[in-house]
């Protein structure tokens, strides 16, 4: 994983886990990799991964079963979708619209590009 300087590494790891839940790699009540396994996979310090898992546990995205590891909380995918949609609509979209106005890009041009990309 390539980390950026925009966010703390533990937050980027938490975001990646959320991405994996959104794509269906990890499902409701499904086990996720142990802290150690994930740290090795991402080539980061175990303490950094612990911090990520703690954050996601506090947010209710994952839960711990003593002696068994961490699992995806039922409904976590929907929770992540709602939070990310809200953040996109309230933070990213207004900035995108500001940039579009500044650059003279119309919604039609964006829609055309959207359709061309097959999305």
PDB file of N, CA and C in Angstrom:
ATOM      1  N   UNK A   1       0.852  -1.178   0.000  1.00  0.00           N
ATOM      2  CA  UNK A   1       0.000   0.000   0.000  1.00  0.00           C
ATOM      3  C   UNK A   1       0.892   1.233   0.000  1.00  0.00           C
ATOM      4  N   UNK A   2       0.557   2.178  -0.861  1.00  0.00           N
ATOM      5  CA  UNK A   2       1.292   3.440  -0.894  1.00  0.00           C
ATOM      6  C   UNK A   2       0.569   4.457  -0.030  1.00  0.00           C
ATOM      7  N   UNK A   3       1.256   4.944   0.978  1.00  0.00           N
ATOM      8  CA  UNK A   3       0.660   5.903   1.895  1.00  0.00           C
ATOM      9  C   UNK A   3       0.953   7.323   1.425  1.00  0.00           C
ATOM     10  N   UNK A   4       0.017   8.220   1.704  1.00  0.00           N
ATOM     11  CA  UNK A   4       0.197   9.632   1.373  1.00  0.00           C
ATOM     12  C   UNK A   4       0.449  10.415   2.649  1.00  0.00           C
ATOM     13  N   UNK A   5       0.837  11.657   2.504  1.00  0.00           N
ATOM     14  CA  UNK A   5       1.067  12.490   3.681  1.00  0.00           C
ATOM     15  C   UNK A   5      -0.194  13.268   4.067  1.00  0.00           C
ATOM     16  N   UNK A   6      -1.284  13.055   3.310  1.00  0.00           N
ATOM     17  CA  UNK A   6      -2.541  13.757   3.591  1.00  0.00           C
ATOM     18  C   UNK A   6      -3.139  13.394   4.937  1.00  0.00           C
ATOM     19  N   UNK A   7      -3.124  12.115   5.263  1.00  0.00           N
ATOM     20  CA  UNK A   7      -3.746  11.603   6.484  1.00  0.00           C
ATOM     21  C   UNK A   7      -2.751  10.733   7.234  1.00  0.00           C
ATOM     22  N   UNK A   8      -3.013  10.569   8.519  1.00  0.00           N
ATOM     23  CA  UNK A   8      -2.189   9.663   9.324  1.00  0.00           C
ATOM     24  C   UNK A   8      -2.286   8.245   8.741  1.00  0.00           C
ATOM     25  N   UNK A   9      -1.217   7.482   8.857  1.00  0.00           N
ATOM     26  CA  UNK A   9      -1.181   6.137   8.277  1.00  0.00           C
ATOM     27  C   UNK A   9      -2.281   5.250   8.855  1.00  0.00           C
ATOM     28  N   UNK A  10      -2.532   5.349  10.163  1.00  0.00           N
ATOM     29  CA  UNK A  10      -3.549   4.483  10.751  1.00  0.00           C
ATOM     30  C   UNK A  10      -4.936   4.779  10.185  1.00  0.00           C
ATOM     31  N   UNK A  11      -5.191   6.022   9.819  1.00  0.00           N
ATOM     32  CA  UNK A  11      -6.473   6.383   9.206  1.00  0.00           C
ATOM     33  C   UNK A  11      -6.542   5.829   7.785  1.00  0.00           C
ATOM     34  N   UNK A  12      -5.429   5.883   7.061  1.00  0.00           N
ATOM     35  CA  UNK A  12      -5.393   5.317   5.712  1.00  0.00           C
ATOM     36  C   UNK A  12      -5.619   3.804   5.750  1.00  0.00           C
ATOM     37  N   UNK A  13      -5.089   3.151   6.775  1.00  0.00           N
ATOM     38  CA  UNK A  13      -5.304   1.708   6.928  1.00  0.00           C
ATOM     39  C   UNK A  13      -6.773   1.440   7.228  1.00  0.00           C
ATOM     40  N   UNK A  14      -7.361   2.231   8.109  1.00  0.00           N
ATOM     41  CA  UNK A  14      -8.785   2.080   8.426  1.00  0.00           C
ATOM     42  C   UNK A  14      -9.630   2.310   7.175  1.00  0.00           C
ATOM     43  N   UNK A  15      -9.274   3.301   6.385  1.00  0.00           N
ATOM     44  CA  UNK A  15      -9.992   3.575   5.134  1.00  0.00           C
ATOM     45  C   UNK A  15      -9.882   2.386   4.181  1.00  0.00           C
ATOM     46  N   UNK A  16      -8.713   1.771   4.129  1.00  0.00           N
ATOM     47  CA  UNK A  16      -8.526   0.617   3.245  1.00  0.00           C
ATOM     48  C   UNK A  16      -9.421  -0.540   3.686  1.00  0.00           C
ATOM     49  N   UNK A  17      -9.468  -0.784   4.977  1.00  0.00           N
ATOM     50  CA  UNK A  17     -10.346  -1.846   5.483  1.00  0.00           C
ATOM     51  C   UNK A  17     -11.799  -1.554   5.137  1.00  0.00           C
ATOM     52  N   UNK A  18     -12.189  -0.300   5.268  1.00  0.00           N
ATOM     53  CA  UNK A  18     -13.551   0.094   4.900  1.00  0.00           C
ATOM     54  C   UNK A  18     -13.784  -0.126   3.407  1.00  0.00           C
ATOM     55  N   UNK A  19     -12.806   0.208   2.594  1.00  0.00           N
ATOM     56  CA  UNK A  19     -12.909  -0.042   1.147  1.00  0.00           C
ATOM     57  C   UNK A  19     -13.130  -1.530   0.883  1.00  0.00           C
ATOM     58  N   UNK A  20     -12.404  -2.357   1.599  1.00  0.00           N
ATOM     59  CA  UNK A  20     -12.519  -3.802   1.408  1.00  0.00           C
ATOM     60  C   UNK A  20     -13.884  -4.319   1.860  1.00  0.00           C
ATOM     61  N   UNK A  21     -14.452  -3.694   2.865  1.00  0.00           N
ATOM     62  CA  UNK A  21     -15.812  -4.048   3.285  1.00  0.00           C
ATOM     63  C   UNK A  21     -16.796  -3.617   2.202  1.00  0.00           C
ATOM     64  N   UNK A  22     -16.609  -2.418   1.662  1.00  0.00           N
ATOM     65  CA  UNK A  22     -17.500  -1.914   0.611  1.00  0.00           C
ATOM     66  C   UNK A  22     -17.467  -2.787  -0.640  1.00  0.00           C
ATOM     67  N   UNK A  23     -16.300  -3.314  -0.982  1.00  0.00           N
ATOM     68  CA  UNK A  23     -16.185  -4.136  -2.190  1.00  0.00           C
ATOM     69  C   UNK A  23     -16.600  -5.591  -1.956  1.00  0.00           C
ATOM     70  N   UNK A  24     -16.913  -5.928  -0.715  1.00  0.00           N
ATOM     71  CA  UNK A  24     -17.379  -7.278  -0.416  1.00  0.00           C
ATOM     72  C   UNK A  24     -16.284  -8.265  -0.060  1.00  0.00           C
ATOM     73  N   UNK A  25     -15.060  -7.795   0.048  1.00  0.00           N
ATOM     74  CA  UNK A  25     -13.970  -8.700   0.435  1.00  0.00           C
ATOM     75  C   UNK A  25     -14.215  -9.238   1.847  1.00  0.00           C
ATOM     76  N   UNK A  26     -14.733  -8.379   2.719  1.00  0.00           N
ATOM     77  CA  UNK A  26     -15.098  -8.775   4.072  1.00  0.00           C
ATOM     78  C   UNK A  26     -16.589  -8.510   4.249  1.00  0.00           C
ATOM     79  N   UNK A  27     -17.302  -9.486   4.780  1.00  0.00           N
ATOM     80  CA  UNK A  27     -18.764  -9.403   4.886  1.00  0.00           C
ATOM     81  C   UNK A  27     -19.206  -9.393   6.346  1.00  0.00           C
ATOM     82  N   UNK A  28     -20.491  -9.064   6.570  1.00  0.00           N
ATOM     83  CA  UNK A  28     -21.062  -9.032   7.908  1.00  0.00           C
ATOM     84  C   UNK A  28     -20.729 -10.306   8.677  1.00  0.00           C
ATOM     85  N   UNK A  29     -20.257 -10.128   9.878  1.00  0.00           N
ATOM     86  CA  UNK A  29     -19.871 -11.218  10.782  1.00  0.00           C
ATOM     87  C   UNK A  29     -18.717 -12.064  10.248  1.00  0.00           C
ATOM     88  N   UNK A  30     -18.090 -11.610   9.158  1.00  0.00           N
ATOM     89  CA  UNK A  30     -16.931 -12.310   8.618  1.00  0.00           C
ATOM     90  C   UNK A  30     -15.662 -11.857   9.320  1.00  0.00           C
ATOM     91  N   UNK A  31     -14.732 -12.769   9.466  1.00  0.00           N
ATOM     92  CA  UNK A  31     -13.454 -12.461  10.111  1.00  0.00           C
ATOM     93  C   UNK A  31     -12.593 -11.630   9.169  1.00  0.00           C
ATOM     94  N   UNK A  32     -11.897 -10.671   9.742  1.00  0.00           N
ATOM     95  CA  UNK A  32     -10.903  -9.900   8.992  1.00  0.00           C
ATOM     96  C   UNK A  32      -9.522 -10.362   9.450  1.00  0.00           C
ATOM     97  N   UNK A  33      -8.482 -10.028   8.710  1.00  0.00           N
ATOM     98  CA  UNK A  33      -7.141 -10.462   9.128  1.00  0.00           C
ATOM     99  C   UNK A  33      -6.810  -9.965  10.538  1.00  0.00           C
ATOM    100  N   UNK A  34      -5.986 -10.733  11.219  1.00  0.00           N
ATOM    101  CA  UNK A  34      -5.541 -10.300  12.544  1.00  0.00           C
ATOM    102  C   UNK A  34      -4.708  -9.034  12.388  1.00  0.00           C
ATOM    103  N   UNK A  35      -4.520  -8.356  13.493  1.00  0.00           N
ATOM    104  CA  UNK A  35      -3.705  -7.144  13.493  1.00  0.00           C
ATOM    105  C   UNK A  35      -2.323  -7.455  12.926  1.00  0.00           C
ATOM    106  N   UNK A  36      -1.751  -8.535  13.386  1.00  0.00           N
ATOM    107  CA  UNK A  36      -0.404  -8.911  12.933  1.00  0.00           C
ATOM    108  C   UNK A  36      -0.393  -9.241  11.440  1.00  0.00           C
ATOM    109  N   UNK A  37      -1.385 -10.017  10.979  1.00  0.00           N
ATOM    110  CA  UNK A  37      -1.460 -10.384   9.557  1.00  0.00           C
ATOM    111  C   UNK A  37      -1.570  -9.137   8.680  1.00  0.00           C
ATOM    112  N   UNK A  38      -2.421  -8.212   9.102  1.00  0.00           N
ATOM    113  CA  UNK A  38      -2.632  -7.005   8.296  1.00  0.00           C
ATOM    114  C   UNK A  38      -1.394  -6.114   8.307  1.00  0.00           C
ATOM    115  N   UNK A  39      -0.726  -6.043   9.463  1.00  0.00           N
ATOM    116  CA  UNK A  39       0.501  -5.245   9.559  1.00  0.00           C
ATOM    117  C   UNK A  39       1.575  -5.806   8.627  1.00  0.00           C
ATOM    118  N   UNK A  40       1.706  -7.122   8.584  1.00  0.00           N
ATOM    119  CA  UNK A  40       2.691  -7.757   7.698  1.00  0.00           C
ATOM    120  C   UNK A  40       2.313  -7.500   6.244  1.00  0.00           C
ATOM    121  N   UNK A  41       1.033  -7.662   5.925  1.00  0.00           N
ATOM    122  CA  UNK A  41       0.567  -7.438   4.555  1.00  0.00           C
ATOM    123  C   UNK A  41       0.882  -6.026   4.077  1.00  0.00           C
ATOM    124  N   UNK A  42       0.657  -5.047   4.944  1.00  0.00           N
ATOM    125  CA  UNK A  42       0.854  -3.644   4.560  1.00  0.00           C
ATOM    126  C   UNK A  42       2.259  -3.123   4.867  1.00  0.00           C
ATOM    127  N   UNK A  43       3.055  -3.967   5.485  1.00  0.00           N
ATOM    128  CA  UNK A  43       4.421  -3.607   5.847  1.00  0.00           C
ATOM    129  C   UNK A  43       4.472  -2.377   6.737  1.00  0.00           C
ATOM    130  N   UNK A  44       3.655  -2.423   7.811  1.00  0.00           N
ATOM    131  CA  UNK A  44       3.624  -1.343   8.794  1.00  0.00           C
ATOM    132  C   UNK A  44       3.833  -1.923  10.188  1.00  0.00           C
ATOM    133  N   UNK A  45       4.092  -1.056  11.128  1.00  0.00           N
ATOM    134  CA  UNK A  45       4.246  -1.460  12.517  1.00  0.00           C
ATOM    135  C   UNK A  45       2.921  -1.985  13.056  1.00  0.00           C
ATOM    136  N   UNK A  46       2.984  -3.034  13.854  1.00  0.00           N
ATOM    137  CA  UNK A  46       1.781  -3.627  14.433  1.00  0.00           C
ATOM    138  C   UNK A  46       0.984  -2.602  15.248  1.00  0.00           C
ATOM    139  N   UNK A  47       1.682  -1.716  15.951  1.00  0.00           N
ATOM    140  CA  UNK A  47       0.990  -0.701  16.757  1.00  0.00           C
ATOM    141  C   UNK A  47       0.140   0.228  15.895  1.00  0.00           C
ATOM    142  N   UNK A  48       0.592   0.501  14.693  1.00  0.00           N
ATOM    143  CA  UNK A  48      -0.173   1.343  13.774  1.00  0.00           C
ATOM    144  C   UNK A  48      -1.463   0.643  13.380  1.00  0.00           C
ATOM    145  N   UNK A  49      -1.373  -0.647  13.118  1.00  0.00           N
ATOM    146  CA  UNK A  49      -2.553  -1.425  12.751  1.00  0.00           C
ATOM    147  C   UNK A  49      -3.505  -1.534  13.937  1.00  0.00           C
ATOM    148  N   UNK A  50      -2.965  -1.701  15.141  1.00  0.00           N
ATOM    149  CA  UNK A  50      -3.796  -1.741  16.346  1.00  0.00           C
ATOM    150  C   UNK A  50      -4.613  -0.456  16.451  1.00  0.00           C
ATOM    151  N   UNK A  51      -3.977   0.654  16.190  1.00  0.00           N
ATOM    152  CA  UNK A  51      -4.651   1.957  16.248  1.00  0.00           C
ATOM    153  C   UNK A  51      -5.793   2.026  15.223  1.00  0.00           C
ATOM    154  N   UNK A  52      -5.567   1.475  14.040  1.00  0.00           N
ATOM    155  CA  UNK A  52      -6.603   1.433  12.998  1.00  0.00           C
ATOM    156  C   UNK A  52      -7.788   0.591  13.444  1.00  0.00           C
ATOM    157  N   UNK A  53      -7.495  -0.586  13.971  1.00  0.00           N
ATOM    158  CA  UNK A  53      -8.553  -1.497  14.411  1.00  0.00           C
ATOM    159  C   UNK A  53      -9.324  -0.884  15.577  1.00  0.00           C
ATOM    160  N   UNK A  54      -8.614  -0.229  16.498  1.00  0.00           N
ATOM    161  CA  UNK A  54      -9.286   0.441  17.622  1.00  0.00           C
ATOM    162  C   UNK A  54     -10.248   1.511  17.110  1.00  0.00           C
ATOM    163  N   UNK A  55      -9.799   2.285  16.123  1.00  0.00           N
ATOM    164  CA  UNK A  55     -10.646   3.323  15.539  1.00  0.00           C
ATOM    165  C   UNK A  55     -11.906   2.714  14.937  1.00  0.00           C
ATOM    166  N   UNK A  56     -11.736   1.667  14.145  1.00  0.00           N
ATOM    167  CA  UNK A  56     -12.889   1.026  13.498  1.00  0.00           C
ATOM    168  C   UNK A  56     -13.809   0.362  14.517  1.00  0.00           C
ATOM    169  N   UNK A  57     -13.239  -0.142  15.593  1.00  0.00           N
ATOM    170  CA  UNK A  57     -14.063  -0.742  16.649  1.00  0.00           C
ATOM    171  C   UNK A  57     -14.883   0.343  17.353  1.00  0.00           C
ATOM    172  N   UNK A  58     -14.259   1.487  17.623  1.00  0.00           N
ATOM    173  CA  UNK A  58     -14.976   2.614  18.242  1.00  0.00           C
ATOM    174  C   UNK A  58     -16.099   3.114  17.346  1.00  0.00           C
ATOM    175  N   UNK A  59     -15.884   3.066  16.042  1.00  0.00           N
ATOM    176  CA  UNK A  59     -16.902   3.523  15.084  1.00  0.00           C
ATOM    177  C   UNK A  59     -17.990   2.480  14.855  1.00  0.00           C
ATOM    178  N   UNK A  60     -17.805   1.289  15.404  1.00  0.00           N
ATOM    179  CA  UNK A  60     -18.799   0.237  15.251  1.00  0.00           C
ATOM    180  C   UNK A  60     -18.721  -0.507  13.929  1.00  0.00           C
ATOM    181  N   UNK A  61     -17.602  -0.391  13.230  1.00  0.00           N
ATOM    182  CA  UNK A  61     -17.426  -1.058  11.933  1.00  0.00           C
ATOM    183  C   UNK A  61     -16.981  -2.505  12.133  1.00  0.00           C
ATOM    184  N   UNK A  62     -16.147  -2.737  13.131  1.00  0.00           N
ATOM    185  CA  UNK A  62     -15.683  -4.092  13.438  1.00  0.00           C
ATOM    186  C   UNK A  62     -15.887  -4.347  14.925  1.00  0.00           C
ATOM    187  N   UNK A  63     -15.852  -5.617  15.294  1.00  0.00           N
ATOM    188  CA  UNK A  63     -15.923  -5.990  16.703  1.00  0.00           C
ATOM    189  C   UNK A  63     -14.966  -7.143  16.964  1.00  0.00           C
ATOM    190  N   UNK A  64     -14.613  -7.311  18.237  1.00  0.00           N
ATOM    191  CA  UNK A  64     -13.635  -8.318  18.620  1.00  0.00           C
ATOM    192  C   UNK A  64     -14.334  -9.453  19.357  1.00  0.00           C
ATOM    193  N   UNK A  65     -13.951 -10.682  18.992  1.00  0.00           N
ATOM    194  CA  UNK A  65     -14.372 -11.864  19.742  1.00  0.00           C
ATOM    195  C   UNK A  65     -13.123 -12.376  20.441  1.00  0.00           C
ATOM    196  N   UNK A  66     -13.181 -12.368  21.742  1.00  0.00           N
ATOM    197  CA  UNK A  66     -12.008 -12.771  22.527  1.00  0.00           C
ATOM    198  C   UNK A  66     -11.489 -14.134  22.072  1.00  0.00           C
ATOM    199  N   UNK A  67     -10.211 -14.166  21.740  1.00  0.00           N
ATOM    200  CA  UNK A  67      -9.563 -15.400  21.334  1.00  0.00           C
ATOM    201  C   UNK A  67      -9.773 -15.784  19.878  1.00  0.00           C
ATOM    202  N   UNK A  68     -10.666 -15.071  19.181  1.00  0.00           N
ATOM    203  CA  UNK A  68     -10.968 -15.418  17.785  1.00  0.00           C
ATOM    204  C   UNK A  68     -10.542 -14.351  16.794  1.00  0.00           C
ATOM    205  N   UNK A  69     -10.465 -13.114  17.237  1.00  0.00           N
ATOM    206  CA  UNK A  69     -10.053 -12.033  16.342  1.00  0.00           C
ATOM    207  C   UNK A  69     -11.130 -10.997  16.120  1.00  0.00           C
ATOM    208  N   UNK A  70     -10.990 -10.293  15.011  1.00  0.00           N
ATOM    209  CA  UNK A  70     -11.903  -9.203  14.665  1.00  0.00           C
ATOM    210  C   UNK A  70     -12.839  -9.624  13.545  1.00  0.00           C
ATOM    211  N   UNK A  71     -14.061  -9.101  13.610  1.00  0.00           N
ATOM    212  CA  UNK A  71     -15.102  -9.437  12.648  1.00  0.00           C
ATOM    213  C   UNK A  71     -15.826  -8.168  12.212  1.00  0.00           C
ATOM    214  N   UNK A  72     -16.455  -8.227  11.045  1.00  0.00           N
ATOM    215  CA  UNK A  72     -17.206  -7.086  10.518  1.00  0.00           C
ATOM    216  C   UNK A  72     -18.566  -7.030  11.219  1.00  0.00           C
ATOM    217  N   UNK A  73     -18.877  -5.871  11.736  1.00  0.00           N
ATOM    218  CA  UNK A  73     -20.163  -5.657  12.391  1.00  0.00           C
ATOM    219  C   UNK A  73     -21.274  -5.721  11.350  1.00  0.00           C
ATOM    220  N   UNK A  74     -22.374  -6.457  11.640  1.00  0.00           N
ATOM    221  CA  UNK A  74     -23.503  -6.464  10.702  1.00  0.00           C
ATOM    222  C   UNK A  74     -23.981  -5.037  10.422  1.00  0.00           C
ATOM    223  N   UNK A  75     -24.169  -4.723   9.151  1.00  0.00           N
ATOM    224  CA  UNK A  75     -24.592  -3.383   8.751  1.00  0.00           C
ATOM    225  C   UNK A  75     -23.455  -2.399   8.549  1.00  0.00           C
ATOM    226  N   UNK A  76     -22.222  -2.865   8.724  1.00  0.00           N
ATOM    227  CA  UNK A  76     -21.066  -1.967   8.591  1.00  0.00           C
ATOM    228  C   UNK A  76     -20.968  -1.381   7.188  1.00  0.00           C
ATOM    229  N   UNK A  77     -21.252  -2.193   6.178  1.00  0.00           N
ATOM    230  CA  UNK A  77     -21.159  -1.703   4.798  1.00  0.00           C
ATOM    231  C   UNK A  77     -22.092  -0.523   4.591  1.00  0.00           C
ATOM    232  N   UNK A  78     -23.322  -0.643   5.062  1.00  0.00           N
ATOM    233  CA  UNK A  78     -24.295   0.447   4.914  1.00  0.00           C
ATOM    234  C   UNK A  78     -23.861   1.679   5.700  1.00  0.00           C
ATOM    235  N   UNK A  79     -23.310   1.456   6.888  1.00  0.00           N
ATOM    236  CA  UNK A  79     -22.822   2.560   7.714  1.00  0.00           C
ATOM    237  C   UNK A  79     -21.699   3.313   7.009  1.00  0.00           C
ATOM    238  N   UNK A  80     -20.764   2.574   6.446  1.00  0.00           N
ATOM    239  CA  UNK A  80     -19.641   3.190   5.731  1.00  0.00           C
ATOM    240  C   UNK A  80     -20.156   3.966   4.521  1.00  0.00           C
ATOM    241  N   UNK A  81     -21.078   3.353   3.772  1.00  0.00           N
ATOM    242  CA  UNK A  81     -21.664   4.034   2.607  1.00  0.00           C
ATOM    243  C   UNK A  81     -22.306   5.355   3.005  1.00  0.00           C
ATOM    244  N   UNK A  82     -23.102   5.339   4.057  1.00  0.00           N
ATOM    245  CA  UNK A  82     -23.782   6.562   4.499  1.00  0.00           C
ATOM    246  C   UNK A  82     -22.784   7.634   4.896  1.00  0.00           C
ATOM    247  N   UNK A  83     -21.763   7.250   5.671  1.00  0.00           N
ATOM    248  CA  UNK A  83     -20.767   8.228   6.113  1.00  0.00           C
ATOM    249  C   UNK A  83     -19.976   8.796   4.941  1.00  0.00           C
ATOM    250  N   UNK A  84     -19.589   7.937   4.023  1.00  0.00           N
ATOM    251  CA  UNK A  84     -18.798   8.407   2.879  1.00  0.00           C
ATOM    252  C   UNK A  84     -19.627   9.251   1.924  1.00  0.00           C
ATOM    253  N   UNK A  85     -20.876   8.887   1.714  1.00  0.00           N
ATOM    254  CA  UNK A  85     -21.748   9.685   0.851  1.00  0.00           C
ATOM    255  C   UNK A  85     -21.933  11.084   1.452  1.00  0.00           C
ATOM    256  N   UNK A  86     -22.160  11.129   2.767  1.00  0.00           N
ATOM    257  CA  UNK A  86     -22.351  12.408   3.453  1.00  0.00           C
ATOM    258  C   UNK A  86     -21.097  13.275   3.314  1.00  0.00           C
ATOM    259  N   UNK A  87     -19.932  12.668   3.557  1.00  0.00           N
ATOM    260  CA  UNK A  87     -18.672  13.406   3.446  1.00  0.00           C
ATOM    261  C   UNK A  87     -18.466  13.900   2.017  1.00  0.00           C
ATOM    262  N   UNK A  88     -18.777  13.073   1.038  1.00  0.00           N
ATOM    263  CA  UNK A  88     -18.636  13.462  -0.363  1.00  0.00           C
ATOM    264  C   UNK A  88     -19.552  14.640  -0.689  1.00  0.00           C
ATOM    265  N   UNK A  89     -20.818  14.530  -0.290  1.00  0.00           N
ATOM    266  CA  UNK A  89     -21.795  15.569  -0.619  1.00  0.00           C
ATOM    267  C   UNK A  89     -21.504  16.889   0.104  1.00  0.00           C
ATOM    268  N   UNK A  90     -20.996  16.814   1.321  1.00  0.00           N
ATOM    269  CA  UNK A  90     -20.782  18.030   2.118  1.00  0.00           C
ATOM    270  C   UNK A  90     -19.397  18.646   1.959  1.00  0.00           C
ATOM    271  N   UNK A  91     -18.413  17.843   1.600  1.00  0.00           N
ATOM    272  CA  UNK A  91     -17.051  18.378   1.533  1.00  0.00           C
ATOM    273  C   UNK A  91     -16.460  18.338   0.128  1.00  0.00           C
ATOM    274  N   UNK A  92     -16.496  17.204  -0.508  1.00  0.00           N
ATOM    275  CA  UNK A  92     -15.820  17.075  -1.796  1.00  0.00           C
ATOM    276  C   UNK A  92     -16.599  17.694  -2.947  1.00  0.00           C
ATOM    277  N   UNK A  93     -17.901  17.475  -2.975  1.00  0.00           N
ATOM    278  CA  UNK A  93     -18.704  17.981  -4.089  1.00  0.00           C
ATOM    279  C   UNK A  93     -18.688  19.509  -4.173  1.00  0.00           C
ATOM    280  N   UNK A  94     -18.876  20.229  -3.066  1.00  0.00           N
ATOM    281  CA  UNK A  94     -18.787  21.695  -3.172  1.00  0.00           C
ATOM    282  C   UNK A  94     -17.447  22.177  -3.717  1.00  0.00           C
ATOM    283  N   UNK A  95     -16.361  21.521  -3.310  1.00  0.00           N
ATOM    284  CA  UNK A  95     -15.044  21.897  -3.830  1.00  0.00           C
ATOM    285  C   UNK A  95     -14.940  21.577  -5.310  1.00  0.00           C
ATOM    286  N   UNK A  96     -15.495  20.446  -5.720  1.00  0.00           N
ATOM    287  CA  UNK A  96     -15.483  20.091  -7.130  1.00  0.00           C
ATOM    288  C   UNK A  96     -16.272  21.117  -7.946  1.00  0.00           C
ATOM    289  N   UNK A  97     -17.434  21.520  -7.444  1.00  0.00           N
ATOM    290  CA  UNK A  97     -18.232  22.531  -8.144  1.00  0.00           C
ATOM    291  C   UNK A  97     -17.481  23.856  -8.233  1.00  0.00           C
ATOM    292  N   UNK A  98     -16.778  24.230  -7.178  1.00  0.00           N
ATOM    293  CA  UNK A  98     -15.993  25.476  -7.186  1.00  0.00           C
ATOM    294  C   UNK A  98     -14.936  25.406  -8.280  1.00  0.00           C
ATOM    295  N   UNK A  99     -14.250  24.262  -8.355  1.00  0.00           N
ATOM    296  CA  UNK A  99     -13.215  24.074  -9.373  1.00  0.00           C
ATOM    297  C   UNK A  99     -13.827  24.103 -10.776  1.00  0.00           C
ATOM    298  N   UNK A 100     -14.980  23.471 -10.933  1.00  0.00           N
ATOM    299  CA  UNK A 100     -15.648  23.449 -12.241  1.00  0.00           C
ATOM    300  C   UNK A 100     -15.992  24.864 -12.690  1.00  0.00           C
ATOM    301  N   UNK A 101     -16.546  25.665 -11.772  1.00  0.00           N
ATOM    302  CA  UNK A 101     -16.892  27.052 -12.122  1.00  0.00           C
ATOM    303  C   UNK A 101     -15.645  27.838 -12.502  1.00  0.00           C
ATOM    304  N   UNK A 102     -14.599  27.648 -11.735  1.00  0.00           N
ATOM    305  CA  UNK A 102     -13.355  28.376 -11.974  1.00  0.00           C
ATOM    306  C   UNK A 102     -12.750  28.000 -13.328  1.00  0.00           C
ATOM    307  N   UNK A 103     -12.890  26.736 -13.730  1.00  0.00           N
ATOM    308  CA  UNK A 103     -12.301  26.253 -14.979  1.00  0.00           C
ATOM    309  C   UNK A 103     -13.273  26.302 -16.145  1.00  0.00           C
ATOM    310  N   UNK A 104     -14.510  26.715 -15.887  1.00  0.00           N
ATOM    311  CA  UNK A 104     -15.493  26.796 -16.960  1.00  0.00           C
ATOM    312  C   UNK A 104     -15.965  25.441 -17.460  1.00  0.00           C
ATOM    313  N   UNK A 105     -16.029  24.469 -16.580  1.00  0.00           N
ATOM    314  CA  UNK A 105     -16.495  23.129 -16.950  1.00  0.00           C
ATOM    315  C   UNK A 105     -17.967  23.017 -16.586  1.00  0.00           C
ATOM    316  N   UNK A 106     -18.791  22.713 -17.575  1.00  0.00           N
ATOM    317  CA  UNK A 106     -20.226  22.575 -17.346  1.00  0.00           C
ATOM    318  C   UNK A 106     -20.608  21.159 -16.965  1.00  0.00           C
ATOM    319  N   UNK A 107     -21.785  21.016 -16.378  1.00  0.00           N
ATOM    320  CA  UNK A 107     -22.266  19.711 -15.946  1.00  0.00           C
ATOM    321  C   UNK A 107     -22.440  18.771 -17.137  1.00  0.00           C
ATOM    322  N   UNK A 108     -22.769  19.337 -18.313  1.00  0.00           N
ATOM    323  CA  UNK A 108     -22.927  18.522 -19.519  1.00  0.00           C
ATOM    324  C   UNK A 108     -21.611  17.842 -19.882  1.00  0.00           C
ATOM    325  N   UNK A 109     -20.525  18.587 -19.748  1.00  0.00           N
ATOM    326  CA  UNK A 109     -19.201  18.052 -20.051  1.00  0.00           C
ATOM    327  C   UNK A 109     -18.845  16.913 -19.084  1.00  0.00           C
ATOM    328  N   UNK A 110     -19.210  17.095 -17.838  1.00  0.00           N
ATOM    329  CA  UNK A 110     -18.959  16.063 -16.834  1.00  0.00           C
ATOM    330  C   UNK A 110     -19.810  14.830 -17.136  1.00  0.00           C
ATOM    331  N   UNK A 111     -21.071  15.045 -17.474  1.00  0.00           N
ATOM    332  CA  UNK A 111     -21.975  13.933 -17.781  1.00  0.00           C
ATOM    333  C   UNK A 111     -21.475  13.153 -19.014  1.00  0.00           C
ATOM    334  N   UNK A 112     -20.998  13.892 -20.006  1.00  0.00           N
ATOM    335  CA  UNK A 112     -20.456  13.245 -21.210  1.00  0.00           C
ATOM    336  C   UNK A 112     -19.248  12.365 -20.848  1.00  0.00           C
ATOM    337  N   UNK A 113     -18.375  12.919 -20.026  1.00  0.00           N
ATOM    338  CA  UNK A 113     -17.187  12.169 -19.584  1.00  0.00           C
ATOM    339  C   UNK A 113     -17.598  10.946 -18.774  1.00  0.00           C
ATOM    340  N   UNK A 114     -18.593  11.135 -17.905  1.00  0.00           N
ATOM    341  CA  UNK A 114     -19.106  10.036 -17.081  1.00  0.00           C
ATOM    342  C   UNK A 114     -19.574   8.889 -17.981  1.00  0.00           C
ATOM    343  N   UNK A 115     -20.334   9.230 -19.009  1.00  0.00           N
ATOM    344  CA  UNK A 115     -20.872   8.231 -19.929  1.00  0.00           C
ATOM    345  C   UNK A 115     -19.775   7.585 -20.771  1.00  0.00           C
ATOM    346  N   UNK A 116     -18.770   8.353 -21.162  1.00  0.00           N
ATOM    347  CA  UNK A 116     -17.667   7.824 -21.955  1.00  0.00           C
ATOM    348  C   UNK A 116     -16.826   6.820 -21.182  1.00  0.00           C
ATOM    349  N   UNK A 117     -16.707   7.023 -19.870  1.00  0.00           N
ATOM    350  CA  UNK A 117     -15.900   6.128 -19.048  1.00  0.00           C
ATOM    351  C   UNK A 117     -16.634   4.830 -18.732  1.00  0.00           C
ATOM    352  N   UNK A 118     -17.881   4.698 -19.156  1.00  0.00           N
ATOM    353  CA  UNK A 118     -18.623   3.469 -18.931  1.00  0.00           C
ATOM    354  C   UNK A 118     -19.067   3.278 -17.495  1.00  0.00           C
ATOM    355  N   UNK A 119     -19.003   4.332 -16.712  1.00  0.00           N
ATOM    356  CA  UNK A 119     -19.393   4.214 -15.298  1.00  0.00           C
ATOM    357  C   UNK A 119     -20.871   4.256 -15.105  1.00  0.00           C
TER     358      UNK A 119
END
